C-alpha atoms as a PDB file:
ATOM      1  CA  THR A   1      -9.092 145.680  82.278  1.00  0.00           C
ATOM      2  CA  ILE A   2      -6.230 146.585  79.942  1.00  0.00           C
ATOM      3  CA  SER A   3      -4.766 144.918  76.854  1.00  0.00           C
ATOM      4  CA  GLY A   4      -1.161 146.023  77.086  1.00  0.00           C
ATOM      5  CA  PRO A   5       1.592 147.719  79.077  1.00  0.00           C
ATOM      6  CA  PHE A   6       0.150 151.242  79.102  1.00  0.00           C
ATOM      7  CA  SER A   7      -2.535 153.044  81.035  1.00  0.00           C
ATOM      8  CA  PRO A   8      -5.641 153.948  79.009  1.00  0.00           C
ATOM      9  CA  ASN A   9      -4.883 157.529  80.099  1.00  0.00           C
ATOM     10  CA  ASP A  10      -1.619 157.311  78.189  1.00  0.00           C
ATOM     11  CA  PRO A  11      -1.664 158.576  74.563  1.00  0.00           C
ATOM     12  CA  LEU A  12       0.449 155.508  73.694  1.00  0.00           C
ATOM     13  CA  TYR A  13      -2.383 153.118  74.600  1.00  0.00           C
ATOM     14  CA  ASP A  14      -3.780 151.365  71.511  1.00  0.00           C
ATOM     15  CA  PHE A  15      -7.552 151.040  71.870  1.00  0.00           C
ATOM     16  CA  SER A  16      -7.733 148.879  68.746  1.00  0.00           C
ATOM     17  CA  VAL A  17      -6.285 146.020  70.821  1.00  0.00           C
ATOM     18  CA  ASN A  18      -8.945 144.294  72.877  1.00  0.00           C
ATOM     19  CA  ALA A  19      -8.281 142.988  76.376  1.00  0.00           C
ATOM     20  CA  ARG A  20      -8.161 139.217  76.651  1.00  0.00           C
ATOM     21  CA  SER A  21     -11.151 137.372  78.053  1.00  0.00           C
ATOM     22  CA  GLN A  22     -10.960 134.217  80.153  1.00  0.00           C
ATOM     23  CA  ASP A  23     -11.348 131.030  78.116  1.00  0.00           C
ATOM     24  CA  THR A  24     -10.870 127.986  80.336  1.00  0.00           C
ATOM     25  CA  ASP A  25     -12.039 125.586  77.613  1.00  0.00           C
ATOM     26  CA  LYS A  26      -9.319 126.767  75.234  1.00  0.00           C
ATOM     27  CA  ALA A  27      -6.750 126.694  78.040  1.00  0.00           C
ATOM     28  CA  GLY A  28      -7.703 123.099  78.812  1.00  0.00           C
ATOM     29  CA  LYS A  29      -7.383 122.067  75.165  1.00  0.00           C
ATOM     30  CA  LEU A  30      -3.960 123.708  74.875  1.00  0.00           C
ATOM     31  CA  LEU A  31      -2.768 121.884  77.983  1.00  0.00           C
ATOM     32  CA  ASP A  32      -4.175 118.592  76.676  1.00  0.00           C
ATOM     33  CA  ALA A  33      -2.345 119.133  73.393  1.00  0.00           C
ATOM     34  CA  ALA A  34       0.881 119.808  75.291  1.00  0.00           C
ATOM     35  CA  GLY A  35       0.561 116.476  77.103  1.00  0.00           C
ATOM     36  CA  TRP A  36      -0.650 117.758  80.496  1.00  0.00           C
ATOM     37  CA  ARG A  37      -3.466 115.411  81.475  1.00  0.00           C
ATOM     38  CA  LYS A  38      -5.799 115.703  84.452  1.00  0.00           C
ATOM     39  CA  GLY A  39      -5.464 113.125  87.190  1.00  0.00           C
ATOM     40  CA  ALA A  40      -8.076 111.819  89.625  1.00  0.00           C
ATOM     41  CA  ASP A  41      -7.446 114.831  91.865  1.00  0.00           C
ATOM     42  CA  GLY A  42      -8.126 117.249  89.009  1.00  0.00           C
ATOM     43  CA  ILE A  43      -4.486 118.367  88.807  1.00  0.00           C
ATOM     44  CA  ARG A  44      -2.697 117.913  85.520  1.00  0.00           C
ATOM     45  CA  ALA A  45       0.548 115.972  85.205  1.00  0.00           C
ATOM     46  CA  LYS A  46       3.073 115.197  82.510  1.00  0.00           C
ATOM     47  CA  GLY A  47       5.876 112.682  82.716  1.00  0.00           C
ATOM     48  CA  GLY A  48       5.069 112.042  86.374  1.00  0.00           C
ATOM     49  CA  LYS A  49       5.344 115.738  87.263  1.00  0.00           C
ATOM     50  CA  LYS A  50       2.269 117.577  88.527  1.00  0.00           C
ATOM     51  CA  LEU A  51       1.415 121.059  87.288  1.00  0.00           C
ATOM     52  CA  VAL A  52       2.139 122.934  90.518  1.00  0.00           C
ATOM     53  CA  LEU A  53       3.138 126.603  90.364  1.00  0.00           C
ATOM     54  CA  ARG A  54       4.207 129.157  92.970  1.00  0.00           C
ATOM     55  CA  LEU A  55       2.729 132.655  92.819  1.00  0.00           C
ATOM     56  CA  LEU A  56       4.993 135.077  94.708  1.00  0.00           C
ATOM     57  CA  VAL A  57       3.276 138.155  96.141  1.00  0.00           C
ATOM     58  CA  PRO A  58       4.753 140.980  98.288  1.00  0.00           C
ATOM     59  CA  LYS A  59       3.179 141.131 101.756  1.00  0.00           C
ATOM     60  CA  SER A  60       2.692 144.864 101.273  1.00  0.00           C
ATOM     61  CA  LYS A  61       0.061 143.953  98.658  1.00  0.00           C
ATOM     62  CA  ASP A  62      -2.171 142.122 101.135  1.00  0.00           C
ATOM     63  CA  SER A  63      -5.138 144.064  99.724  1.00  0.00           C
ATOM     64  CA  TYR A  64      -4.783 141.820  96.668  1.00  0.00           C
ATOM     65  CA  LYS A  65      -5.553 138.671  98.651  1.00  0.00           C
ATOM     66  CA  ALA A  66      -9.023 138.272  97.127  1.00  0.00           C
ATOM     67  CA  LEU A  67      -7.540 138.697  93.644  1.00  0.00           C
ATOM     68  CA  CYS A  68      -4.884 136.064  94.319  1.00  0.00           C
ATOM     69  CA  LEU A  69      -7.444 133.602  95.653  1.00  0.00           C
ATOM     70  CA  GLY A  70      -9.589 134.225  92.577  1.00  0.00           C
ATOM     71  CA  MET A  71      -6.659 133.541  90.242  1.00  0.00           C
ATOM     72  CA  GLN A  72      -5.793 130.442  92.239  1.00  0.00           C
ATOM     73  CA  SER A  73      -9.363 129.192  91.789  1.00  0.00           C
ATOM     74  CA  SER A  74      -9.332 129.955  88.043  1.00  0.00           C
ATOM     75  CA  TRP A  75      -6.096 128.055  87.510  1.00  0.00           C
ATOM     76  CA  ARG A  76      -7.497 125.135  89.503  1.00  0.00           C
ATOM     77  CA  LYS A  77     -10.382 124.914  87.030  1.00  0.00           C
ATOM     78  CA  VAL A  78      -7.957 124.172  84.202  1.00  0.00           C
ATOM     79  CA  GLY A  79      -5.991 121.675  86.296  1.00  0.00           C
ATOM     80  CA  ALA A  80      -3.128 123.768  87.663  1.00  0.00           C
ATOM     81  CA  LYS A  81      -2.408 123.912  91.383  1.00  0.00           C
ATOM     82  CA  VAL A  82      -1.105 127.329  92.403  1.00  0.00           C
ATOM     83  CA  ARG A  83       0.521 127.927  95.775  1.00  0.00           C
ATOM     84  CA  LEU A  84       0.379 131.478  97.080  1.00  0.00           C
ATOM     85  CA  VAL A  85       3.699 132.531  98.602  1.00  0.00           C
ATOM     86  CA  TRP A  86       3.578 135.821 100.535  1.00  0.00           C
ATOM     87  CA  LEU A  87       7.003 137.380 101.046  1.00  0.00           C
ATOM     88  CA  GLN A  88       8.365 140.487 102.712  1.00  0.00           C
ATOM     89  CA  ASP A  89       9.095 143.083 100.037  1.00  0.00           C
ATOM     90  CA  ALA A  90      12.875 142.649 100.284  1.00  0.00           C
ATOM     91  CA  ALA A  91      12.553 138.856 100.027  1.00  0.00           C
ATOM     92  CA  TRP A  92      10.168 139.229  97.062  1.00  0.00           C
ATOM     93  CA  ARG A  93      12.640 141.479  95.228  1.00  0.00           C
ATOM     94  CA  ARG A  94      15.477 139.078  95.991  1.00  0.00           C
ATOM     95  CA  SER A  95      13.554 136.020  94.757  1.00  0.00           C
ATOM     96  CA  VAL A  96      11.967 137.656  91.714  1.00  0.00           C
ATOM     97  CA  ARG A  97      14.344 140.375  90.529  1.00  0.00           C
ATOM     98  CA  THR A  98      17.723 139.001  91.641  1.00  0.00           C
ATOM     99  CA  LYS A  99      17.494 135.221  91.741  1.00  0.00           C
ATOM    100  CA  LYS A 100      14.610 134.924  89.266  1.00  0.00           C
ATOM    101  CA  ASP A 101      13.368 132.032  91.366  1.00  0.00           C
ATOM    102  CA  PHE A 102       9.639 132.004  90.717  1.00  0.00           C
ATOM    103  CA  ASP A 103       6.933 130.513  88.525  1.00  0.00           C
ATOM    104  CA  LEU A 104       4.471 133.400  88.722  1.00  0.00           C
ATOM    105  CA  ALA A 105       4.772 136.845  90.287  1.00  0.00           C
ATOM    106  CA  LEU A 106       2.238 139.580  90.948  1.00  0.00           C
ATOM    107  CA  HIS A 107       3.311 143.194  91.053  1.00  0.00           C
ATOM    108  CA  ILE A 108       2.426 146.713  89.959  1.00  0.00           C
ATOM    109  CA  TRP A 109       4.463 149.529  88.482  1.00  0.00           C
ATOM    110  CA  ASN A 110       4.160 153.242  87.794  1.00  0.00           C
ATOM    111  CA  PHE A 111       5.433 154.879  84.616  1.00  0.00           C
ATOM    112  CA  ASP A 112       7.639 157.928  84.659  1.00  0.00           C
ATOM    113  CA  ASP A 113       6.803 160.949  82.517  1.00  0.00           C
ATOM    114  CA  LEU A 114       8.203 159.223  79.388  1.00  0.00           C
ATOM    115  CA  SER A 115       6.073 156.110  79.870  1.00  0.00           C
ATOM    116  CA  THR A 116       9.011 154.033  78.699  1.00  0.00           C
ATOM    117  CA  ILE A 117       8.707 150.267  78.752  1.00  0.00           C
ATOM    118  CA  TYR A 118      12.296 149.730  77.593  1.00  0.00           C
ATOM    119  CA  PRO A 119      13.519 148.531  81.039  1.00  0.00           C
ATOM    120  CA  LEU A 120      10.686 145.983  81.249  1.00  0.00           C
ATOM    121  CA  PHE A 121      10.756 144.359  77.819  1.00  0.00           C
ATOM    122  CA  HIS A 122      14.088 144.973  76.098  1.00  0.00           C
ATOM    123  CA  SER A 123      16.308 141.894  76.357  1.00  0.00           C
ATOM    124  CA  ARG A 124      18.874 144.085  78.124  1.00  0.00           C
ATOM    125  CA  GLY A 125      16.342 146.036  80.185  1.00  0.00           C
ATOM    126  CA  VAL A 126      17.305 146.544  83.826  1.00  0.00           C
ATOM    127  CA  SER A 127      13.815 145.504  84.998  1.00  0.00           C
ATOM    128  CA  ASN A 128      13.378 142.589  82.601  1.00  0.00           C
ATOM    129  CA  TYR A 129      13.434 139.987  85.372  1.00  0.00           C
ATOM    130  CA  ILE A 130      11.298 137.582  83.328  1.00  0.00           C
ATOM    131  CA  SER A 131      14.195 137.317  80.823  1.00  0.00           C
ATOM    132  CA  TYR A 132      11.868 138.185  77.957  1.00  0.00           C
ATOM    133  CA  LYS A 133      13.629 138.307  74.598  1.00  0.00           C
ATOM    134  CA  ASN A 134      12.184 139.209  71.220  1.00  0.00           C
ATOM    135  CA  LYS A 135      14.296 140.707  68.420  1.00  0.00           C
ATOM    136  CA  ALA A 136      11.370 142.638  66.940  1.00  0.00           C
ATOM    137  CA  VAL A 137      10.526 144.152  70.335  1.00  0.00           C
ATOM    138  CA  ASP A 138      14.182 145.038  70.935  1.00  0.00           C
ATOM    139  CA  LYS A 139      14.382 146.762  67.562  1.00  0.00           C
ATOM    140  CA  LEU A 140      11.224 148.797  68.156  1.00  0.00           C
ATOM    141  CA  LEU A 141      12.282 149.831  71.661  1.00  0.00           C
ATOM    142  CA  THR A 142      15.681 150.929  70.389  1.00  0.00           C
ATOM    143  CA  SER A 143      14.036 152.890  67.566  1.00  0.00           C
ATOM    144  CA  ALA A 144      11.823 154.673  70.084  1.00  0.00           C
ATOM    145  CA  THR A 145      14.890 155.992  71.910  1.00  0.00           C
ATOM    146  CA  LYS A 146      16.176 157.595  68.695  1.00  0.00           C
ATOM    147  CA  THR A 147      13.163 159.635  67.633  1.00  0.00           C
ATOM    148  CA  THR A 148      11.877 162.997  68.823  1.00  0.00           C
ATOM    149  CA  ASP A 149       8.810 162.914  66.578  1.00  0.00           C
ATOM    150  CA  PRO A 150       5.728 162.248  68.766  1.00  0.00           C
ATOM    151  CA  LEU A 151       3.795 160.671  65.885  1.00  0.00           C
ATOM    152  CA  ILE A 152       6.591 158.225  65.088  1.00  0.00           C
ATOM    153  CA  TYR A 153       7.028 157.540  68.818  1.00  0.00           C
ATOM    154  CA  LYS A 154       3.321 156.718  69.158  1.00  0.00           C
ATOM    155  CA  ALA A 155       3.340 154.525  66.025  1.00  0.00           C
ATOM    156  CA  ILE A 156       6.275 152.527  67.394  1.00  0.00           C
ATOM    157  CA  HIS A 157       4.539 151.969  70.722  1.00  0.00           C
ATOM    158  CA  ASN A 158       1.286 150.972  69.032  1.00  0.00           C
ATOM    159  CA  LYS A 159       3.278 148.208  67.294  1.00  0.00           C
ATOM    160  CA  LEU A 160       4.807 147.252  70.635  1.00  0.00           C
ATOM    161  CA  HIS A 161       1.354 147.139  72.231  1.00  0.00           C
ATOM    162  CA  LYS A 162       0.142 144.690  69.573  1.00  0.00           C
ATOM    163  CA  LEU A 163       3.274 142.522  69.785  1.00  0.00           C
ATOM    164  CA  LEU A 164       3.246 142.279  73.575  1.00  0.00           C
ATOM    165  CA  HIS A 165      -0.480 141.544  73.576  1.00  0.00           C
ATOM    166  CA  LYS A 166       0.130 138.661  71.151  1.00  0.00           C
ATOM    167  CA  GLU A 167       3.161 137.243  72.976  1.00  0.00           C
ATOM    168  CA  VAL A 168       1.776 137.592  76.533  1.00  0.00           C
ATOM    169  CA  PRO A 169       5.037 138.037  78.479  1.00  0.00           C
ATOM    170  CA  TYR A 170       2.781 139.492  81.179  1.00  0.00           C
ATOM    171  CA  ILE A 171      -0.894 138.969  81.918  1.00  0.00           C
ATOM    172  CA  PHE A 172      -1.973 142.602  81.957  1.00  0.00           C
ATOM    173  CA  LEU A 173      -4.786 142.999  84.475  1.00  0.00           C
ATOM    174  CA  TRP A 174      -5.891 146.573  85.040  1.00  0.00           C
ATOM    175  CA  SER A 175      -4.946 150.216  85.385  1.00  0.00           C
ATOM    176  CA  LEU A 176      -6.315 152.210  88.313  1.00  0.00           C
ATOM    177  CA  THR A 177      -8.446 155.313  87.803  1.00  0.00           C
ATOM    178  CA  ASN A 178      -8.075 158.053  90.398  1.00  0.00           C
ATOM    179  CA  TYR A 179     -10.546 160.851  91.065  1.00  0.00           C
ATOM    180  CA  SER A 180      -9.407 164.073  92.738  1.00  0.00           C
ATOM    181  CA  ALA A 181     -11.240 166.761  94.705  1.00  0.00           C
ATOM    182  CA  ILE A 182      -9.352 170.055  94.621  1.00  0.00           C
ATOM    183  CA  SER A 183      -9.925 172.890  97.085  1.00  0.00           C
ATOM    184  CA  ALA A 184     -10.945 176.234  95.598  1.00  0.00           C
ATOM    185  CA  ARG A 185      -8.276 177.769  97.846  1.00  0.00           C
ATOM    186  CA  VAL A 186      -5.483 176.147  95.827  1.00  0.00           C
ATOM    187  CA  ARG A 187      -4.304 177.323  92.402  1.00  0.00           C
ATOM    188  CA  GLY A 188      -1.946 175.886  89.809  1.00  0.00           C
ATOM    189  CA  VAL A 189      -3.061 172.301  90.362  1.00  0.00           C
ATOM    190  CA  HIS A 190      -2.086 169.936  87.563  1.00  0.00           C
ATOM    191  CA  ILE A 191      -2.336 166.183  88.100  1.00  0.00           C
ATOM    192  CA  HIS A 192       0.283 164.065  86.336  1.00  0.00           C
ATOM    193  CA  PRO A 193      -1.366 160.998  84.702  1.00  0.00           C
ATOM    194  CA  PHE A 194       1.195 158.577  86.177  1.00  0.00           C
ATOM    195  CA  ASN A 195       2.958 160.184  89.147  1.00  0.00           C
ATOM    196  CA  TYR A 196       0.212 161.892  91.136  1.00  0.00           C
ATOM    197  CA  PHE A 197       2.334 164.476  93.005  1.00  0.00           C
ATOM    198  CA  HIS A 198       4.810 165.116  90.172  1.00  0.00           C
ATOM    199  CA  TYR A 199       3.728 168.770  89.888  1.00  0.00           C
ATOM    200  CA  ALA A 200       2.891 169.327  93.561  1.00  0.00           C
ATOM    201  CA  TRP A 201       5.683 171.890  93.890  1.00  0.00           C
ATOM    202  CA  GLN A 202       3.628 174.163  91.589  1.00  0.00           C
ATOM    203  CA  TRP A 203       0.526 174.087  93.782  1.00  0.00           C
ATOM    204  CA  LYS A 204      -0.033 177.396  95.560  1.00  0.00           C
ATOM    205  CA  LYS A 205      -2.489 178.671  98.115  1.00  0.00           C
ATOM    206  CA  LYS A 206      -4.608 181.466  96.732  1.00  0.00           C
ATOM    207  CA  SER A 207      -4.080 184.841  98.332  1.00  0.00           C
ATOM    208  CA  GLY A 208      -6.860 186.495 100.296  1.00  0.00           C
ATOM    209  CA  LYS A 209      -9.565 184.806 102.350  1.00  0.00           C
END
């Protein structure tokens, strides 16, 4: 479980920010306060409109079916009906990234060697398909592009971690941990923390038997 947009293996990850825990009672109270009341069927409604959401998932992520069903069940507990919509990858990208026609979307991403989140969260970011906009976040992301000092860069991203955790533009779920077994016959093996085969061109077979 992670608390922000970085992998715990990333030096930019801020361990002082705790991952969110599930609190269905608080969620229910917030929905009540917003005027969404449960009906006889357990589904909330407001102004004659039921709280029904579509969760779009790429078919290539069928291994996440159990996760999606679990989330669907959790949302049902607070009175939200979530429909799982499985789409071919191209259709998912078209609906989510191009048309922005979705209520909820599940996806994963890999960071490049700069671990930049600018495309995801800057208001003008090319991958900001959720149309997230926050002036403070924009300012910090722009500042990060103008510094070459690693300490300043880390401090900026620690602030971003805290801000994004507070605002919840995404529900950050987890970061995978990979374990590698390396043959003694291979030398020069370095594993990139984000792109596994980034340095594969440097791997060499040891000479001799």
